[in-house]
C-alpha atoms as a PDB file:
ATOM      1  CA  MET A   1      29.671 111.853  71.529  1.00  0.00           C
ATOM      2  CA  LEU A   2      32.039 108.787  72.505  1.00  0.00           C
ATOM      3  CA  THR A   3      30.590 104.611  72.778  1.00  0.00           C
ATOM      4  CA  VAL A   4      32.233 102.384  75.596  1.00  0.00           C
ATOM      5  CA  ARG A   5      31.575  99.023  76.038  1.00  0.00           C
ATOM      6  CA  LEU A   6      31.367  97.873  79.238  1.00  0.00           C
ATOM      7  CA  PRO A   7      31.525  94.377  80.464  1.00  0.00           C
ATOM      8  CA  ASP A   8      28.490  93.189  81.384  1.00  0.00           C
ATOM      9  CA  GLU A   9      29.312  92.715  85.100  1.00  0.00           C
ATOM     10  CA  LEU A  10      30.182  96.329  85.427  1.00  0.00           C
ATOM     11  CA  GLU A  11      27.267  97.331  83.000  1.00  0.00           C
ATOM     12  CA  LYS A  12      25.471  95.676  85.864  1.00  0.00           C
ATOM     13  CA  GLU A  13      26.801  97.436  88.201  1.00  0.00           C
ATOM     14  CA  LEU A  14      26.230 101.040  86.657  1.00  0.00           C
ATOM     15  CA  GLU A  15      22.630 100.859  86.257  1.00  0.00           C
ATOM     16  CA  ILE A  16      22.364  99.283  90.399  1.00  0.00           C
ATOM     17  CA  VAL A  17      24.268 103.182  90.727  1.00  0.00           C
ATOM     18  CA  THR A  18      22.029 104.865  88.289  1.00  0.00           C
ATOM     19  CA  LYS A  19      18.922 103.946  89.856  1.00  0.00           C
ATOM     20  CA  ASN A  20      20.433 104.514  93.610  1.00  0.00           C
ATOM     21  CA  ARG A  21      21.078 107.486  92.809  1.00  0.00           C
ATOM     22  CA  HIS A  22      18.494 108.881  90.605  1.00  0.00           C
ATOM     23  CA  SER A  23      21.070 109.611  88.027  1.00  0.00           C
ATOM     24  CA  THR A  24      21.747 108.036  84.056  1.00  0.00           C
ATOM     25  CA  LYS A  25      24.447 106.272  83.049  1.00  0.00           C
ATOM     26  CA  SER A  26      26.303 109.139  81.923  1.00  0.00           C
ATOM     27  CA  ALA A  27      26.310 111.072  84.649  1.00  0.00           C
ATOM     28  CA  VAL A  28      27.949 108.721  86.711  1.00  0.00           C
ATOM     29  CA  ILE A  29      30.602 108.208  84.075  1.00  0.00           C
ATOM     30  CA  ILE A  30      31.307 111.966  83.436  1.00  0.00           C
ATOM     31  CA  THR A  31      31.813 111.842  87.296  1.00  0.00           C
ATOM     32  CA  ALA A  32      33.699 108.894  87.617  1.00  0.00           C
ATOM     33  CA  LEU A  33      36.022 109.525  84.941  1.00  0.00           C
ATOM     34  CA  SER A  34      36.281 113.600  85.970  1.00  0.00           C
ATOM     35  CA  GLU A  35      37.411 112.126  89.328  1.00  0.00           C
ATOM     36  CA  TYR A  36      39.742 109.940  87.796  1.00  0.00           C
ATOM     37  CA  LEU A  37      41.700 112.186  85.120  1.00  0.00           C
ATOM     38  CA  ALA A  38      41.656 115.213  88.015  1.00  0.00           C
ATOM     39  CA  ARG A  39      43.476 112.791  89.863  1.00  0.00           C
ATOM     40  CA  PHE A  40      45.934 111.544  87.492  1.00  0.00           C
ATOM     41  CA  SER A  41      46.479 115.210  86.542  1.00  0.00           C
ATOM     42  CA  GLN A  42      47.762 116.642  89.529  1.00  0.00           C
ATOM     43  CA  GLN A  43      49.969 113.108  89.820  1.00  0.00           C
ATOM     44  CA  LYS A  44      54.184 113.886  89.971  1.00  0.00           C
ATOM     45  CA  SER A  45      56.705 112.390  88.210  1.00  0.00           C
ATOM     46  CA  PRO A  46      59.619 110.575  90.195  1.00  0.00           C
ATOM     47  CA  TYR A  47      61.243 113.164  88.515  1.00  0.00           C
ATOM     48  CA  GLU A  48      59.316 116.086  90.736  1.00  0.00           C
ATOM     49  CA  VAL A  49      58.845 114.101  93.697  1.00  0.00           C
ATOM     50  CA  GLY A  50      62.788 113.563  93.939  1.00  0.00           C
ATOM     51  CA  LYS A  51      64.258 116.485  92.112  1.00  0.00           C
ATOM     52  CA  HIS A  52      65.023 118.653  95.234  1.00  0.00           C
ATOM     53  CA  LEU A  53      67.114 115.666  96.662  1.00  0.00           C
ATOM     54  CA  PHE A  54      69.542 115.462  93.125  1.00  0.00           C
ATOM     55  CA  GLY A  55      72.947 116.498  93.100  1.00  0.00           C
ATOM     56  CA  LYS A  56      71.793 117.070  97.417  1.00  0.00           C
ATOM     57  CA  HIS A  57      75.229 115.487  98.952  1.00  0.00           C
ATOM     58  CA  SER A  58      77.647 116.014  95.549  1.00  0.00           C
ATOM     59  CA  LEU A  59      81.064 114.992  96.755  1.00  0.00           C
ATOM     60  CA  GLY A  60      81.789 117.920  94.850  1.00  0.00           C
ATOM     61  CA  THR A  61      83.293 116.511  91.995  1.00  0.00           C
ATOM     62  CA  PRO A  62      80.713 116.122  89.486  1.00  0.00           C
ATOM     63  CA  ASP A  63      81.844 113.682  86.645  1.00  0.00           C
ATOM     64  CA  LEU A  64      82.887 110.540  88.843  1.00  0.00           C
ATOM     65  CA  SER A  65      81.762 107.823  86.857  1.00  0.00           C
ATOM     66  CA  SER A  66      82.817 109.200  83.994  1.00  0.00           C
ATOM     67  CA  MET A  67      86.068 110.369  85.020  1.00  0.00           C
ATOM     68  CA  THR A  68      87.253 107.463  87.089  1.00  0.00           C
ATOM     69  CA  LYS A  69      89.879 105.378  86.199  1.00  0.00           C
ATOM     70  CA  ILE A  70      91.380 108.349  85.288  1.00  0.00           C
ATOM     71  CA  ARG A  71      90.825 109.568  89.124  1.00  0.00           C
ATOM     72  CA  TYR A  72      91.810 105.400  89.996  1.00  0.00           C
ATOM     73  CA  LEU A  73      95.668 105.659  87.823  1.00  0.00           C
ATOM     74  CA  GLU A  74      96.101 109.548  89.016  1.00  0.00           C
ATOM     75  CA  ASN A  75      95.707 107.812  92.399  1.00  0.00           C
ATOM     76  CA  LEU A  76      97.772 104.888  92.136  1.00  0.00           C
ATOM     77  CA  HIS A  77     100.670 106.771  90.278  1.00  0.00           C
ATOM     78  CA  ALA A  78     100.369 108.907  93.395  1.00  0.00           C
ATOM     79  CA  LYS A  79     100.988 106.289  95.867  1.00  0.00           C
ATOM     80  CA  HIS A  80     103.794 104.857  94.333  1.00  0.00           C
ATOM     81  CA  ASN A  81     105.697 107.830  93.203  1.00  0.00           C
ATOM     82  CA  HIS A  82     106.601 109.205  96.590  1.00  0.00           C
END
């Protein structure tokens, strides 16, 4: 059992809908909540949406961010010690 407090305006709209559909408040709320939960349970996270793209355009060096200073110094050293 669940009790929900609705703002007055929303409850008035719910009463109008239930009268027009010859339904109960509970039936309308159950239908609406079921549709809401189905829609959001099927939504993918940002990771799931883009996971096929991650690493797709790799430069062949997976540690670029942690090795930047070392690579820079190696390149600088190689350039000036010909």
